[in-house]
C-alpha atoms as a PDB file:
ATOM      1  CA  MET A   1      -8.938 -30.798  -5.280  1.00  0.00           C
ATOM      2  CA  LYS A   2      -5.397 -29.402  -6.593  1.00  0.00           C
ATOM      3  CA  GLN A   3      -7.281 -27.170  -9.392  1.00  0.00           C
ATOM      4  CA  ILE A   4      -9.603 -25.591  -6.827  1.00  0.00           C
ATOM      5  CA  TYR A   5      -6.679 -24.832  -4.415  1.00  0.00           C
ATOM      6  CA  THR A   6      -4.699 -22.986  -7.268  1.00  0.00           C
ATOM      7  CA  LYS A   7      -7.868 -21.157  -8.470  1.00  0.00           C
ATOM      8  CA  LEU A   8      -9.120 -19.985  -5.132  1.00  0.00           C
ATOM      9  CA  PRO A   9      -6.331 -17.426  -4.463  1.00  0.00           C
ATOM     10  CA  ILE A  10      -6.925 -15.864  -7.947  1.00  0.00           C
ATOM     11  CA  SER A  11     -10.818 -15.640  -7.367  1.00  0.00           C
ATOM     12  CA  VAL A  12     -10.061 -13.722  -3.984  1.00  0.00           C
ATOM     13  CA  ALA A  13      -7.472 -11.433  -5.601  1.00  0.00           C
ATOM     14  CA  LEU A  14     -10.095 -10.473  -8.124  1.00  0.00           C
ATOM     15  CA  LEU A  15     -12.957 -10.035  -5.887  1.00  0.00           C
ATOM     16  CA  THR A  16     -10.593  -7.998  -3.521  1.00  0.00           C
ATOM     17  CA  CYS A  17      -9.665  -5.736  -6.502  1.00  0.00           C
ATOM     18  CA  ILE A  18     -13.337  -5.063  -7.362  1.00  0.00           C
ATOM     19  CA  VAL A  19     -14.263  -4.256  -3.684  1.00  0.00           C
ATOM     20  CA  CYS A  20     -11.136  -1.842  -3.115  1.00  0.00           C
ATOM     21  CA  ALA A  21     -12.182  -0.144  -6.574  1.00  0.00           C
ATOM     22  CA  LEU A  22     -15.542   0.293  -5.450  1.00  0.00           C
ATOM     23  CA  GLY A  23     -14.560   1.752  -2.076  1.00  0.00           C
ATOM     24  CA  PHE A  24     -12.096   4.085  -3.630  1.00  0.00           C
ATOM     25  CA  GLY A  25     -14.769   5.342  -5.940  1.00  0.00           C
ATOM     26  CA  LEU A  26     -17.188   5.963  -2.945  1.00  0.00           C
ATOM     27  CA  ILE A  27     -14.381   7.900  -1.028  1.00  0.00           C
ATOM     28  CA  ALA A  28     -13.559   9.952  -4.368  1.00  0.00           C
ATOM     29  CA  LEU A  29     -17.446  10.810  -4.750  1.00  0.00           C
ATOM     30  CA  TRP A  30     -17.565  12.090  -1.289  1.00  0.00           C
ATOM     31  CA  VAL A  31     -14.514  14.160  -1.592  1.00  0.00           C
ATOM     32  CA  SER A  32     -15.670  15.518  -4.960  1.00  0.00           C
ATOM     33  CA  ASP A  33     -19.022  16.561  -3.425  1.00  0.00           C
ATOM     34  CA  GLN A  34     -17.431  17.676  -0.094  1.00  0.00           C
ATOM     35  CA  GLN A  35     -19.596  15.307   1.799  1.00  0.00           C
ATOM     36  CA  VAL A  36     -16.575  13.963   3.658  1.00  0.00           C
ATOM     37  CA  ARG A  37     -15.886  17.063   5.845  1.00  0.00           C
ATOM     38  CA  HIS A  38     -17.717  15.779   8.937  1.00  0.00           C
ATOM     39  CA  PHE A  39     -15.644  12.367   8.928  1.00  0.00           C
ATOM     40  CA  ASP A  40     -12.348  14.287   8.170  1.00  0.00           C
ATOM     41  CA  HIS A  41     -12.922  16.625  11.050  1.00  0.00           C
ATOM     42  CA  LYS A  42     -13.842  13.965  13.584  1.00  0.00           C
ATOM     43  CA  ILE A  43     -10.652  11.913  12.761  1.00  0.00           C
ATOM     44  CA  ILE A  44      -8.445  14.950  12.717  1.00  0.00           C
ATOM     45  CA  THR A  45      -9.802  16.131  15.965  1.00  0.00           C
ATOM     46  CA  ALA A  46      -9.298  12.805  17.629  1.00  0.00           C
ATOM     47  CA  ILE A  47      -5.805  12.337  16.399  1.00  0.00           C
ATOM     48  CA  GLY A  48      -4.937  15.923  17.242  1.00  0.00           C
ATOM     49  CA  GLN A  49      -5.546  14.993  21.046  1.00  0.00           C
ATOM     50  CA  LEU A  50      -2.589  12.858  20.972  1.00  0.00           C
ATOM     51  CA  GLU A  51      -0.194  15.625  20.073  1.00  0.00           C
ATOM     52  CA  SER A  52       2.872  15.732  22.124  1.00  0.00           C
ATOM     53  CA  PRO A  53       6.687  16.613  21.440  1.00  0.00           C
ATOM     54  CA  PHE A  54       7.372  12.719  21.610  1.00  0.00           C
ATOM     55  CA  MET A  55       4.533  11.968  19.441  1.00  0.00           C
ATOM     56  CA  THR A  56       5.552  14.422  16.837  1.00  0.00           C
ATOM     57  CA  ARG A  57       8.923  13.065  16.657  1.00  0.00           C
ATOM     58  CA  LEU A  58       7.620   9.598  16.384  1.00  0.00           C
ATOM     59  CA  MET A  59       5.139  10.464  13.543  1.00  0.00           C
ATOM     60  CA  LYS A  60       8.054  12.474  11.602  1.00  0.00           C
ATOM     61  CA  CYS A  61      10.104   9.167  11.805  1.00  0.00           C
ATOM     62  CA  PHE A  62       7.231   7.124  10.434  1.00  0.00           C
ATOM     63  CA  THR A  63       6.649   9.638   7.710  1.00  0.00           C
ATOM     64  CA  ILE A  64      10.178   9.592   6.726  1.00  0.00           C
ATOM     65  CA  ILE A  65      10.193   5.660   6.557  1.00  0.00           C
ATOM     66  CA  GLY A  66       7.314   6.070   4.029  1.00  0.00           C
ATOM     67  CA  SER A  67       8.981   8.471   1.671  1.00  0.00           C
ATOM     68  CA  GLY A  68      11.690   9.073  -0.863  1.00  0.00           C
ATOM     69  CA  LEU A  69      14.928   7.532  -0.034  1.00  0.00           C
ATOM     70  CA  PRO A  70      14.033   5.210   2.773  1.00  0.00           C
ATOM     71  CA  VAL A  71      11.583   3.493   0.367  1.00  0.00           C
ATOM     72  CA  VAL A  72      14.389   3.381  -2.232  1.00  0.00           C
ATOM     73  CA  ILE A  73      16.560   1.679   0.116  1.00  0.00           C
ATOM     74  CA  ILE A  74      13.969  -0.840   1.238  1.00  0.00           C
ATOM     75  CA  ILE A  75      13.036  -1.868  -2.194  1.00  0.00           C
ATOM     76  CA  LEU A  76      16.860  -2.247  -3.277  1.00  0.00           C
ATOM     77  CA  ILE A  77      17.486  -4.445  -0.129  1.00  0.00           C
ATOM     78  CA  ALA A  78      14.550  -6.375  -0.901  1.00  0.00           C
ATOM     79  CA  MET A  79      15.423  -6.916  -4.731  1.00  0.00           C
ATOM     80  CA  PHE A  80      18.944  -7.738  -3.737  1.00  0.00           C
ATOM     81  CA  VAL A  81      17.685 -10.662  -1.326  1.00  0.00           C
ATOM     82  CA  LEU A  82      14.916 -11.765  -3.972  1.00  0.00           C
ATOM     83  CA  TYR A  83      17.629 -11.971  -6.764  1.00  0.00           C
ATOM     84  CA  SER A  84      20.833 -13.034  -5.121  1.00  0.00           C
ATOM     85  CA  VAL A  85      19.853 -14.771  -1.951  1.00  0.00           C
ATOM     86  CA  LEU A  86      16.634 -16.558  -2.969  1.00  0.00           C
ATOM     87  CA  GLY A  87      17.184 -16.476  -6.849  1.00  0.00           C
ATOM     88  CA  HIS A  88      13.926 -15.120  -7.687  1.00  0.00           C
ATOM     89  CA  ARG A  89      13.587 -13.014 -10.856  1.00  0.00           C
ATOM     90  CA  ARG A  90       9.894 -12.957 -11.624  1.00  0.00           C
ATOM     91  CA  GLU A  91       9.152 -11.962  -7.889  1.00  0.00           C
ATOM     92  CA  LEU A  92      11.737  -9.028  -8.374  1.00  0.00           C
ATOM     93  CA  LEU A  93       9.669  -7.780 -11.302  1.00  0.00           C
ATOM     94  CA  PHE A  94       6.583  -8.034  -9.477  1.00  0.00           C
ATOM     95  CA  LEU A  95       7.797  -5.919  -6.571  1.00  0.00           C
ATOM     96  CA  ALA A  96       8.937  -3.326  -9.024  1.00  0.00           C
ATOM     97  CA  VAL A  97       5.847  -3.144 -10.915  1.00  0.00           C
ATOM     98  CA  ALA A  98       3.714  -2.980  -7.665  1.00  0.00           C
ATOM     99  CA  VAL A  99       5.661  -0.157  -6.206  1.00  0.00           C
ATOM    100  CA  LEU A 100       6.327   1.954  -9.188  1.00  0.00           C
ATOM    101  CA  GLY A 101       3.005   1.325 -10.678  1.00  0.00           C
ATOM    102  CA  SER A 102       1.413   2.443  -7.473  1.00  0.00           C
ATOM    103  CA  VAL A 103       3.594   5.803  -7.309  1.00  0.00           C
ATOM    104  CA  LEU A 104       2.694   6.597 -11.011  1.00  0.00           C
ATOM    105  CA  LEU A 105      -0.988   5.835 -10.274  1.00  0.00           C
ATOM    106  CA  ASN A 106      -0.879   8.155  -7.445  1.00  0.00           C
ATOM    107  CA  THR A 107       0.476  10.778  -9.455  1.00  0.00           C
ATOM    108  CA  VAL A 108      -2.248  10.717 -12.106  1.00  0.00           C
ATOM    109  CA  LEU A 109      -4.927  10.527  -9.451  1.00  0.00           C
ATOM    110  CA  LYS A 110      -3.803  13.710  -7.848  1.00  0.00           C
ATOM    111  CA  MET A 111      -3.718  15.430 -10.966  1.00  0.00           C
ATOM    112  CA  LEU A 112      -7.348  14.484 -11.823  1.00  0.00           C
ATOM    113  CA  PHE A 113      -8.736  15.456  -8.293  1.00  0.00           C
ATOM    114  CA  ARG A 114      -6.316  18.473  -7.478  1.00  0.00           C
ATOM    115  CA  ARG A 115      -7.474  18.482  -3.915  1.00  0.00           C
ATOM    116  CA  ALA A 116      -5.512  21.098  -1.761  1.00  0.00           C
ATOM    117  CA  ARG A 117      -3.988  20.072   1.408  1.00  0.00           C
ATOM    118  CA  PRO A 118      -5.295  20.827   4.876  1.00  0.00           C
ATOM    119  CA  GLU A 119      -4.337  24.282   6.192  1.00  0.00           C
ATOM    120  CA  ILE A 120      -5.193  23.701   9.877  1.00  0.00           C
ATOM    121  CA  ASN A 121      -2.839  22.008  12.335  1.00  0.00           C
ATOM    122  CA  ARG A 122       0.035  21.720   9.907  1.00  0.00           C
ATOM    123  CA  ILE A 123       3.257  20.555  11.598  1.00  0.00           C
ATOM    124  CA  ILE A 124       5.433  20.051   8.658  1.00  0.00           C
ATOM    125  CA  GLU A 125       5.212  21.429   5.071  1.00  0.00           C
ATOM    126  CA  ALA A 126       4.385  19.272   1.973  1.00  0.00           C
ATOM    127  CA  ASN A 127       4.125  20.208  -1.727  1.00  0.00           C
ATOM    128  CA  GLY A 128       1.504  18.791  -4.094  1.00  0.00           C
ATOM    129  CA  TYR A 129      -2.110  17.894  -4.069  1.00  0.00           C
ATOM    130  CA  SER A 130      -3.562  15.844  -1.124  1.00  0.00           C
ATOM    131  CA  PHE A 131      -5.810  13.145  -2.573  1.00  0.00           C
ATOM    132  CA  PRO A 132      -4.971  10.251  -2.410  1.00  0.00           C
ATOM    133  CA  SER A 133      -2.205  10.138   0.042  1.00  0.00           C
ATOM    134  CA  GLY A 134       1.024   9.202  -1.738  1.00  0.00           C
ATOM    135  CA  HIS A 135       2.678   7.998   1.509  1.00  0.00           C
ATOM    136  CA  SER A 136      -0.353   5.723   2.079  1.00  0.00           C
ATOM    137  CA  MET A 137      -0.418   4.288  -1.236  1.00  0.00           C
ATOM    138  CA  THR A 138       3.355   3.617  -1.302  1.00  0.00           C
ATOM    139  CA  ALA A 139       3.503   1.914   2.151  1.00  0.00           C
ATOM    140  CA  PHE A 140       0.528  -0.163   1.297  1.00  0.00           C
ATOM    141  CA  SER A 141       1.934  -1.344  -1.953  1.00  0.00           C
ATOM    142  CA  MET A 142       5.445  -1.843  -0.772  1.00  0.00           C
ATOM    143  CA  TYR A 143       4.655  -3.608   2.434  1.00  0.00           C
ATOM    144  CA  ALA A 144       1.808  -5.856   0.811  1.00  0.00           C
ATOM    145  CA  ALA A 145       4.027  -6.766  -1.848  1.00  0.00           C
ATOM    146  CA  LEU A 146       7.014  -7.758   0.416  1.00  0.00           C
ATOM    147  CA  THR A 147       4.287  -9.681   2.515  1.00  0.00           C
ATOM    148  CA  PHE A 148       2.995 -11.595  -0.355  1.00  0.00           C
ATOM    149  CA  LEU A 149       6.521 -12.521  -1.699  1.00  0.00           C
ATOM    150  CA  LEU A 150       7.897 -13.388   1.858  1.00  0.00           C
ATOM    151  CA  TRP A 151       4.768 -15.364   3.035  1.00  0.00           C
ATOM    152  CA  LYS A 152       6.038 -18.756   1.372  1.00  0.00           C
ATOM    153  CA  HIS A 153       9.544 -18.400   2.816  1.00  0.00           C
ATOM    154  CA  VAL A 154       8.237 -18.058   6.380  1.00  0.00           C
ATOM    155  CA  PRO A 155       7.910 -21.729   7.618  1.00  0.00           C
ATOM    156  CA  SER A 156       5.959 -21.339  10.868  1.00  0.00           C
ATOM    157  CA  ARG A 157       2.376 -20.115  11.256  1.00  0.00           C
ATOM    158  CA  ILE A 158       3.474 -17.672  14.017  1.00  0.00           C
ATOM    159  CA  GLY A 159       6.053 -16.302  11.851  1.00  0.00           C
ATOM    160  CA  ARG A 160       3.561 -15.469   9.021  1.00  0.00           C
ATOM    161  CA  ILE A 161       1.234 -13.876  11.444  1.00  0.00           C
ATOM    162  CA  LEU A 162       3.846 -11.609  12.900  1.00  0.00           C
ATOM    163  CA  LEU A 163       4.766 -10.888   9.156  1.00  0.00           C
ATOM    164  CA  VAL A 164       1.148  -9.580   8.534  1.00  0.00           C
ATOM    165  CA  VAL A 165       0.902  -7.683  11.725  1.00  0.00           C
ATOM    166  CA  LEU A 166       4.168  -5.849  11.266  1.00  0.00           C
ATOM    167  CA  SER A 167       3.258  -5.045   7.829  1.00  0.00           C
ATOM    168  CA  SER A 168      -0.103  -3.808   8.759  1.00  0.00           C
ATOM    169  CA  LEU A 169       1.227  -1.726  11.621  1.00  0.00           C
ATOM    170  CA  LEU A 170       3.586   0.076   9.325  1.00  0.00           C
ATOM    171  CA  ILE A 171       0.980   0.741   6.709  1.00  0.00           C
ATOM    172  CA  VAL A 172      -1.425   2.124   9.292  1.00  0.00           C
ATOM    173  CA  THR A 173       1.225   4.116  11.254  1.00  0.00           C
ATOM    174  CA  ILE A 174       2.733   5.660   8.075  1.00  0.00           C
ATOM    175  CA  GLY A 175      -1.075   6.625   7.016  1.00  0.00           C
ATOM    176  CA  THR A 176      -1.511   8.120  10.323  1.00  0.00           C
ATOM    177  CA  SER A 177       1.480  10.110  10.479  1.00  0.00           C
ATOM    178  CA  ARG A 178       0.368  12.078   7.629  1.00  0.00           C
ATOM    179  CA  ILE A 179      -2.847  13.097   9.272  1.00  0.00           C
ATOM    180  CA  TYR A 180      -1.044  13.951  12.533  1.00  0.00           C
ATOM    181  CA  LEU A 181       1.381  16.133  10.954  1.00  0.00           C
ATOM    182  CA  GLY A 182      -1.489  18.064   9.172  1.00  0.00           C
ATOM    183  CA  VAL A 183      -0.519  17.316   5.515  1.00  0.00           C
ATOM    184  CA  HIS A 184      -3.359  14.875   4.417  1.00  0.00           C
ATOM    185  CA  TYR A 185      -6.989  14.576   5.298  1.00  0.00           C
ATOM    186  CA  PRO A 186      -8.168  11.258   6.804  1.00  0.00           C
ATOM    187  CA  SER A 187     -10.036  10.664   3.448  1.00  0.00           C
ATOM    188  CA  ASP A 188      -6.991  11.094   1.548  1.00  0.00           C
ATOM    189  CA  VAL A 189      -5.302   8.264   3.404  1.00  0.00           C
ATOM    190  CA  VAL A 190      -8.543   5.863   3.334  1.00  0.00           C
ATOM    191  CA  GLY A 191      -8.773   6.404  -0.364  1.00  0.00           C
ATOM    192  CA  GLY A 192      -4.910   5.866  -0.691  1.00  0.00           C
ATOM    193  CA  TYR A 193      -5.509   2.325   1.002  1.00  0.00           C
ATOM    194  CA  PHE A 194      -8.439   1.378  -1.176  1.00  0.00           C
ATOM    195  CA  MET A 195      -6.612   2.224  -4.437  1.00  0.00           C
ATOM    196  CA  SER A 196      -3.507   0.616  -3.402  1.00  0.00           C
ATOM    197  CA  GLY A 197      -5.650  -2.489  -2.296  1.00  0.00           C
ATOM    198  CA  CYS A 198      -7.174  -2.439  -5.831  1.00  0.00           C
ATOM    199  CA  TRP A 199      -3.918  -2.023  -7.520  1.00  0.00           C
ATOM    200  CA  MET A 200      -1.956  -4.622  -5.359  1.00  0.00           C
ATOM    201  CA  ALA A 201      -4.969  -7.396  -5.733  1.00  0.00           C
ATOM    202  CA  ALA A 202      -4.843  -6.678  -9.530  1.00  0.00           C
ATOM    203  CA  CYS A 203      -1.045  -7.273  -9.423  1.00  0.00           C
ATOM    204  CA  ILE A 204      -1.353 -10.473  -7.663  1.00  0.00           C
ATOM    205  CA  TRP A 205      -4.164 -11.734  -9.893  1.00  0.00           C
ATOM    206  CA  PHE A 206      -2.082 -11.206 -12.904  1.00  0.00           C
ATOM    207  CA  TYR A 207       1.025 -12.438 -11.405  1.00  0.00           C
ATOM    208  CA  GLN A 208      -0.811 -15.820 -10.311  1.00  0.00           C
ATOM    209  CA  ARG A 209      -2.391 -16.284 -13.630  1.00  0.00           C
ATOM    210  CA  TYR A 210       1.181 -15.909 -15.115  1.00  0.00           C
ATOM    211  CA  GLU A 211       2.611 -18.471 -12.544  1.00  0.00           C
ATOM    212  CA  GLU A 212      -0.351 -20.904 -13.330  1.00  0.00           C
ATOM    213  CA  ARG A 213       0.218 -20.611 -17.181  1.00  0.00           C
ATOM    214  CA  MET A 214       4.012 -20.969 -16.794  1.00  0.00           C
ATOM    215  CA  LEU A 215       3.770 -23.988 -14.246  1.00  0.00           C
ATOM    216  CA  PRO A 216       3.339 -26.781 -17.021  1.00  0.00           C
ATOM    217  CA  LEU A 217       6.043 -25.476 -18.982  1.00  0.00           C
ATOM    218  CA  ARG A 218       8.547 -25.552 -16.248  1.00  0.00           C
ATOM    219  CA  THR A 219       7.310 -28.853 -15.077  1.00  0.00           C
ATOM    220  CA  LYS A 220       7.791 -30.306 -18.720  1.00  0.00           C
ATOM    221  CA  SER A 221      11.214 -28.672 -19.024  1.00  0.00           C
ATOM    222  CA  THR A 222      12.384 -30.407 -15.756  1.00  0.00           C
ATOM    223  CA  ALA A 223      10.957 -33.750 -16.442  1.00  0.00           C
END
């Protein structure tokens, strides 16, 4: 029974990786064939109806949270807690690989697809290509990785639910802010989520395989 329990998360992670890869492939195909315009237009129109001075300030705030310096600060704080407080080194490496790998992957994909950013309803300026959304990929990878690492340290079920809900809200809101501010199409954000989901599932799969292989060695060394 113990063997089934340890194998199950790995199987789920691998399945999630495959499903997200297929989802990204479908979105990428639609973007390449220009078949996603109707979807993008409907979502942009719906989000555009929410525009107000307060909402603009709020969306700018969430966009800042998902970019540059704030991301670096969050990662450094998380690494400090993992290393100095919890005494985890492998988890620290996992977090670094998950986030930095996501940033690198996004850069490569943007160069491959070279999709221009939207020109309508532009509230802020942004450079570079549009697909997939870098903010969405970074937010997804960072908060998913932190949720995965913190999960076992949260003792209560309610606490774990709150952890997942908070991470999900941050991921969705950061992605939505990019659409609201006019610097990404909805398909950029959805594509970013799928690709980060694929990347994170792969990271978790490899990490759990490594942990499973190292467990007998650590058990033997402490015996």
